[in-house]
């Protein structure tokens, strides 16, 4: 884990199926970027929020 990293919950829709995945990133923008790299353009990101512990 990098300095300043947090855990974000990303809600996305792929092929009509909703998924929620946990991503470790510094900002919500970086979390979106990670999802786009992993799933490609077919993943429609609906919501990104910080996971509270």
PDB file of N, CA and C in Angstrom:
ATOM      1  N   UNK A   1       0.837  -1.172   0.000  1.00  0.00           N
ATOM      2  CA  UNK A   1       0.000   0.000   0.000  1.00  0.00           C
ATOM      3  C   UNK A   1       0.882   1.235   0.000  1.00  0.00           C
ATOM      4  N   UNK A   2       0.464   2.218  -0.771  1.00  0.00           N
ATOM      5  CA  UNK A   2       1.247   3.443  -0.855  1.00  0.00           C
ATOM      6  C   UNK A   2       0.821   4.449   0.206  1.00  0.00           C
ATOM      7  N   UNK A   3       1.653   5.408   0.445  1.00  0.00           N
ATOM      8  CA  UNK A   3       1.365   6.468   1.410  1.00  0.00           C
ATOM      9  C   UNK A   3       0.140   7.261   0.957  1.00  0.00           C
ATOM     10  N   UNK A   4      -0.815   7.446   1.844  1.00  0.00           N
ATOM     11  CA  UNK A   4      -2.011   8.209   1.517  1.00  0.00           C
ATOM     12  C   UNK A   4      -3.094   7.421   0.815  1.00  0.00           C
ATOM     13  N   UNK A   5      -2.912   6.123   0.663  1.00  0.00           N
ATOM     14  CA  UNK A   5      -3.904   5.302  -0.038  1.00  0.00           C
ATOM     15  C   UNK A   5      -5.079   4.982   0.877  1.00  0.00           C
ATOM     16  N   UNK A   6      -6.260   4.918   0.267  1.00  0.00           N
ATOM     17  CA  UNK A   6      -7.492   4.595   0.982  1.00  0.00           C
ATOM     18  C   UNK A   6      -8.198   3.484   0.215  1.00  0.00           C
ATOM     19  N   UNK A   7      -9.230   2.944   0.821  1.00  0.00           N
ATOM     20  CA  UNK A   7     -10.006   1.894   0.185  1.00  0.00           C
ATOM     21  C   UNK A   7     -11.297   2.512  -0.353  1.00  0.00           C
ATOM     22  N   UNK A   8     -11.575   2.317  -1.637  1.00  0.00           N
ATOM     23  CA  UNK A   8     -12.769   2.851  -2.272  1.00  0.00           C
ATOM     24  C   UNK A   8     -13.648   1.709  -2.757  1.00  0.00           C
ATOM     25  N   UNK A   9     -14.974   1.892  -2.627  1.00  0.00           N
ATOM     26  CA  UNK A   9     -15.929   0.945  -3.182  1.00  0.00           C
ATOM     27  C   UNK A   9     -16.421   1.503  -4.515  1.00  0.00           C
ATOM     28  N   UNK A  10     -16.230   0.737  -5.578  1.00  0.00           N
ATOM     29  CA  UNK A  10     -16.622   1.163  -6.913  1.00  0.00           C
ATOM     30  C   UNK A  10     -17.815   0.323  -7.352  1.00  0.00           C
ATOM     31  N   UNK A  11     -18.923   0.989  -7.629  1.00  0.00           N
ATOM     32  CA  UNK A  11     -20.119   0.308  -8.133  1.00  0.00           C
ATOM     33  C   UNK A  11     -20.128   0.488  -9.649  1.00  0.00           C
ATOM     34  N   UNK A  12     -20.189  -0.624 -10.371  1.00  0.00           N
ATOM     35  CA  UNK A  12     -20.126  -0.560 -11.829  1.00  0.00           C
ATOM     36  C   UNK A  12     -21.114  -1.534 -12.448  1.00  0.00           C
ATOM     37  N   UNK A  13     -21.369  -1.335 -13.725  1.00  0.00           N
ATOM     38  CA  UNK A  13     -22.270  -2.210 -14.464  1.00  0.00           C
ATOM     39  C   UNK A  13     -21.528  -2.745 -15.683  1.00  0.00           C
ATOM     40  N   UNK A  14     -21.496  -4.086 -15.790  1.00  0.00           N
ATOM     41  CA  UNK A  14     -20.844  -4.739 -16.919  1.00  0.00           C
ATOM     42  C   UNK A  14     -21.840  -5.716 -17.527  1.00  0.00           C
ATOM     43  N   UNK A  15     -22.157  -5.524 -18.798  1.00  0.00           N
ATOM     44  CA  UNK A  15     -23.095  -6.378 -19.527  1.00  0.00           C
ATOM     45  C   UNK A  15     -24.429  -6.515 -18.786  1.00  0.00           C
ATOM     46  N   UNK A  16     -24.942  -5.417 -18.233  1.00  0.00           N
ATOM     47  CA  UNK A  16     -26.222  -5.431 -17.540  1.00  0.00           C
ATOM     48  C   UNK A  16     -26.179  -5.989 -16.124  1.00  0.00           C
ATOM     49  N   UNK A  17     -25.011  -6.326 -15.617  1.00  0.00           N
ATOM     50  CA  UNK A  17     -24.853  -6.905 -14.283  1.00  0.00           C
ATOM     51  C   UNK A  17     -24.118  -5.913 -13.389  1.00  0.00           C
ATOM     52  N   UNK A  18     -24.703  -5.605 -12.227  1.00  0.00           N
ATOM     53  CA  UNK A  18     -24.077  -4.659 -11.306  1.00  0.00           C
ATOM     54  C   UNK A  18     -23.086  -5.378 -10.405  1.00  0.00           C
ATOM     55  N   UNK A  19     -21.905  -4.792 -10.269  1.00  0.00           N
ATOM     56  CA  UNK A  19     -20.847  -5.335  -9.421  1.00  0.00           C
ATOM     57  C   UNK A  19     -20.342  -4.240  -8.492  1.00  0.00           C
ATOM     58  N   UNK A  20     -19.882  -4.645  -7.316  1.00  0.00           N
ATOM     59  CA  UNK A  20     -19.224  -3.724  -6.386  1.00  0.00           C
ATOM     60  C   UNK A  20     -17.854  -4.304  -6.076  1.00  0.00           C
ATOM     61  N   UNK A  21     -16.828  -3.496  -6.311  1.00  0.00           N
ATOM     62  CA  UNK A  21     -15.464  -3.970  -6.088  1.00  0.00           C
ATOM     63  C   UNK A  21     -14.714  -2.976  -5.215  1.00  0.00           C
ATOM     64  N   UNK A  22     -13.865  -3.491  -4.343  1.00  0.00           N
ATOM     65  CA  UNK A  22     -13.043  -2.679  -3.475  1.00  0.00           C
ATOM     66  C   UNK A  22     -11.701  -2.421  -4.170  1.00  0.00           C
ATOM     67  N   UNK A  23     -11.283  -1.145  -4.195  1.00  0.00           N
ATOM     68  CA  UNK A  23     -10.046  -0.748  -4.873  1.00  0.00           C
ATOM     69  C   UNK A  23      -9.223   0.101  -3.917  1.00  0.00           C
ATOM     70  N   UNK A  24      -7.929  -0.146  -3.862  1.00  0.00           N
ATOM     71  CA  UNK A  24      -7.026   0.669  -3.045  1.00  0.00           C
ATOM     72  C   UNK A  24      -6.400   1.723  -3.960  1.00  0.00           C
ATOM     73  N   UNK A  25      -6.654   3.001  -3.627  1.00  0.00           N
ATOM     74  CA  UNK A  25      -6.155   4.108  -4.436  1.00  0.00           C
ATOM     75  C   UNK A  25      -6.026   5.346  -3.551  1.00  0.00           C
ATOM     76  N   UNK A  26      -5.378   6.366  -4.072  1.00  0.00           N
ATOM     77  CA  UNK A  26      -5.218   7.611  -3.315  1.00  0.00           C
ATOM     78  C   UNK A  26      -6.432   8.521  -3.458  1.00  0.00           C
ATOM     79  N   UNK A  27      -7.032   8.538  -4.660  1.00  0.00           N
ATOM     80  CA  UNK A  27      -8.167   9.416  -4.932  1.00  0.00           C
ATOM     81  C   UNK A  27      -9.255   8.634  -5.658  1.00  0.00           C
ATOM     82  N   UNK A  28     -10.492   9.150  -5.685  1.00  0.00           N
ATOM     83  CA  UNK A  28     -11.548   8.495  -6.452  1.00  0.00           C
ATOM     84  C   UNK A  28     -11.231   8.417  -7.946  1.00  0.00           C
ATOM     85  N   UNK A  29     -10.534   9.408  -8.460  1.00  0.00           N
ATOM     86  CA  UNK A  29     -10.153   9.406  -9.870  1.00  0.00           C
ATOM     87  C   UNK A  29      -9.210   8.243 -10.173  1.00  0.00           C
ATOM     88  N   UNK A  30      -8.271   8.003  -9.284  1.00  0.00           N
ATOM     89  CA  UNK A  30      -7.337   6.888  -9.457  1.00  0.00           C
ATOM     90  C   UNK A  30      -8.059   5.547  -9.348  1.00  0.00           C
ATOM     91  N   UNK A  31      -9.086   5.474  -8.504  1.00  0.00           N
ATOM     92  CA  UNK A  31      -9.880   4.252  -8.382  1.00  0.00           C
ATOM     93  C   UNK A  31     -10.614   3.969  -9.692  1.00  0.00           C
ATOM     94  N   UNK A  32     -11.204   5.005 -10.307  1.00  0.00           N
ATOM     95  CA  UNK A  32     -11.866   4.852 -11.606  1.00  0.00           C
ATOM     96  C   UNK A  32     -10.887   4.384 -12.676  1.00  0.00           C
ATOM     97  N   UNK A  33      -9.704   4.975 -12.663  1.00  0.00           N
ATOM     98  CA  UNK A  33      -8.675   4.618 -13.646  1.00  0.00           C
ATOM     99  C   UNK A  33      -8.273   3.155 -13.504  1.00  0.00           C
ATOM    100  N   UNK A  34      -8.135   2.681 -12.281  1.00  0.00           N
ATOM    101  CA  UNK A  34      -7.781   1.286 -12.022  1.00  0.00           C
ATOM    102  C   UNK A  34      -8.845   0.345 -12.577  1.00  0.00           C
ATOM    103  N   UNK A  35     -10.122   0.676 -12.369  1.00  0.00           N
ATOM    104  CA  UNK A  35     -11.219  -0.150 -12.875  1.00  0.00           C
ATOM    105  C   UNK A  35     -11.224  -0.156 -14.399  1.00  0.00           C
ATOM    106  N   UNK A  36     -11.015   0.990 -15.017  1.00  0.00           N
ATOM    107  CA  UNK A  36     -11.011   1.062 -16.487  1.00  0.00           C
ATOM    108  C   UNK A  36      -9.865   0.248 -17.081  1.00  0.00           C
ATOM    109  N   UNK A  37      -8.715   0.240 -16.426  1.00  0.00           N
ATOM    110  CA  UNK A  37      -7.582  -0.549 -16.909  1.00  0.00           C
ATOM    111  C   UNK A  37      -7.896  -2.034 -16.788  1.00  0.00           C
ATOM    112  N   UNK A  38      -8.526  -2.431 -15.684  1.00  0.00           N
ATOM    113  CA  UNK A  38      -8.798  -3.843 -15.420  1.00  0.00           C
ATOM    114  C   UNK A  38      -9.933  -4.397 -16.283  1.00  0.00           C
ATOM    115  N   UNK A  39     -11.038  -3.620 -16.429  1.00  0.00           N
ATOM    116  CA  UNK A  39     -12.218  -4.127 -17.116  1.00  0.00           C
ATOM    117  C   UNK A  39     -12.420  -3.558 -18.517  1.00  0.00           C
ATOM    118  N   UNK A  40     -11.705  -2.515 -18.877  1.00  0.00           N
ATOM    119  CA  UNK A  40     -11.836  -1.934 -20.206  1.00  0.00           C
ATOM    120  C   UNK A  40     -13.011  -0.966 -20.305  1.00  0.00           C
ATOM    121  N   UNK A  41     -13.330  -0.589 -21.543  1.00  0.00           N
ATOM    122  CA  UNK A  41     -14.362   0.416 -21.795  1.00  0.00           C
ATOM    123  C   UNK A  41     -15.767  -0.112 -21.558  1.00  0.00           C
ATOM    124  N   UNK A  42     -15.939  -1.424 -21.493  1.00  0.00           N
ATOM    125  CA  UNK A  42     -17.287  -1.971 -21.320  1.00  0.00           C
ATOM    126  C   UNK A  42     -17.816  -1.801 -19.894  1.00  0.00           C
ATOM    127  N   UNK A  43     -16.980  -1.423 -18.959  1.00  0.00           N
ATOM    128  CA  UNK A  43     -17.410  -1.205 -17.573  1.00  0.00           C
ATOM    129  C   UNK A  43     -17.938   0.218 -17.429  1.00  0.00           C
ATOM    130  N   UNK A  44     -19.213   0.344 -17.085  1.00  0.00           N
ATOM    131  CA  UNK A  44     -19.799   1.651 -16.846  1.00  0.00           C
ATOM    132  C   UNK A  44     -19.778   1.902 -15.340  1.00  0.00           C
ATOM    133  N   UNK A  45     -18.974   2.868 -14.911  1.00  0.00           N
ATOM    134  CA  UNK A  45     -18.810   3.152 -13.494  1.00  0.00           C
ATOM    135  C   UNK A  45     -19.971   4.021 -13.033  1.00  0.00           C
ATOM    136  N   UNK A  46     -20.711   3.526 -12.053  1.00  0.00           N
ATOM    137  CA  UNK A  46     -21.887   4.236 -11.552  1.00  0.00           C
ATOM    138  C   UNK A  46     -21.558   5.128 -10.363  1.00  0.00           C
ATOM    139  N   UNK A  47     -20.733   4.615  -9.443  1.00  0.00           N
ATOM    140  CA  UNK A  47     -20.500   5.339  -8.202  1.00  0.00           C
ATOM    141  C   UNK A  47     -19.161   4.931  -7.600  1.00  0.00           C
ATOM    142  N   UNK A  48     -18.459   5.905  -7.008  1.00  0.00           N
ATOM    143  CA  UNK A  48     -17.212   5.647  -6.283  1.00  0.00           C
ATOM    144  C   UNK A  48     -17.328   6.345  -4.940  1.00  0.00           C
ATOM    145  N   UNK A  49     -17.185   5.577  -3.840  1.00  0.00           N
ATOM    146  CA  UNK A  49     -17.216   6.197  -2.525  1.00  0.00           C
ATOM    147  C   UNK A  49     -16.167   5.556  -1.628  1.00  0.00           C
ATOM    148  N   UNK A  50     -15.692   6.349  -0.667  1.00  0.00           N
ATOM    149  CA  UNK A  50     -14.658   5.874   0.245  1.00  0.00           C
ATOM    150  C   UNK A  50     -15.263   4.909   1.261  1.00  0.00           C
ATOM    151  N   UNK A  51     -14.585   3.790   1.468  1.00  0.00           N
ATOM    152  CA  UNK A  51     -15.054   2.785   2.430  1.00  0.00           C
ATOM    153  C   UNK A  51     -14.691   3.256   3.827  1.00  0.00           C
ATOM    154  N   UNK A  52     -15.681   3.350   4.679  1.00  0.00           N
ATOM    155  CA  UNK A  52     -15.448   3.775   6.067  1.00  0.00           C
ATOM    156  C   UNK A  52     -15.190   2.548   6.925  1.00  0.00           C
ATOM    157  N   UNK A  53     -14.209   2.638   7.796  1.00  0.00           N
ATOM    158  CA  UNK A  53     -13.865   1.500   8.650  1.00  0.00           C
ATOM    159  C   UNK A  53     -14.398   1.696  10.039  1.00  0.00           C
TER     160      UNK A  53
END
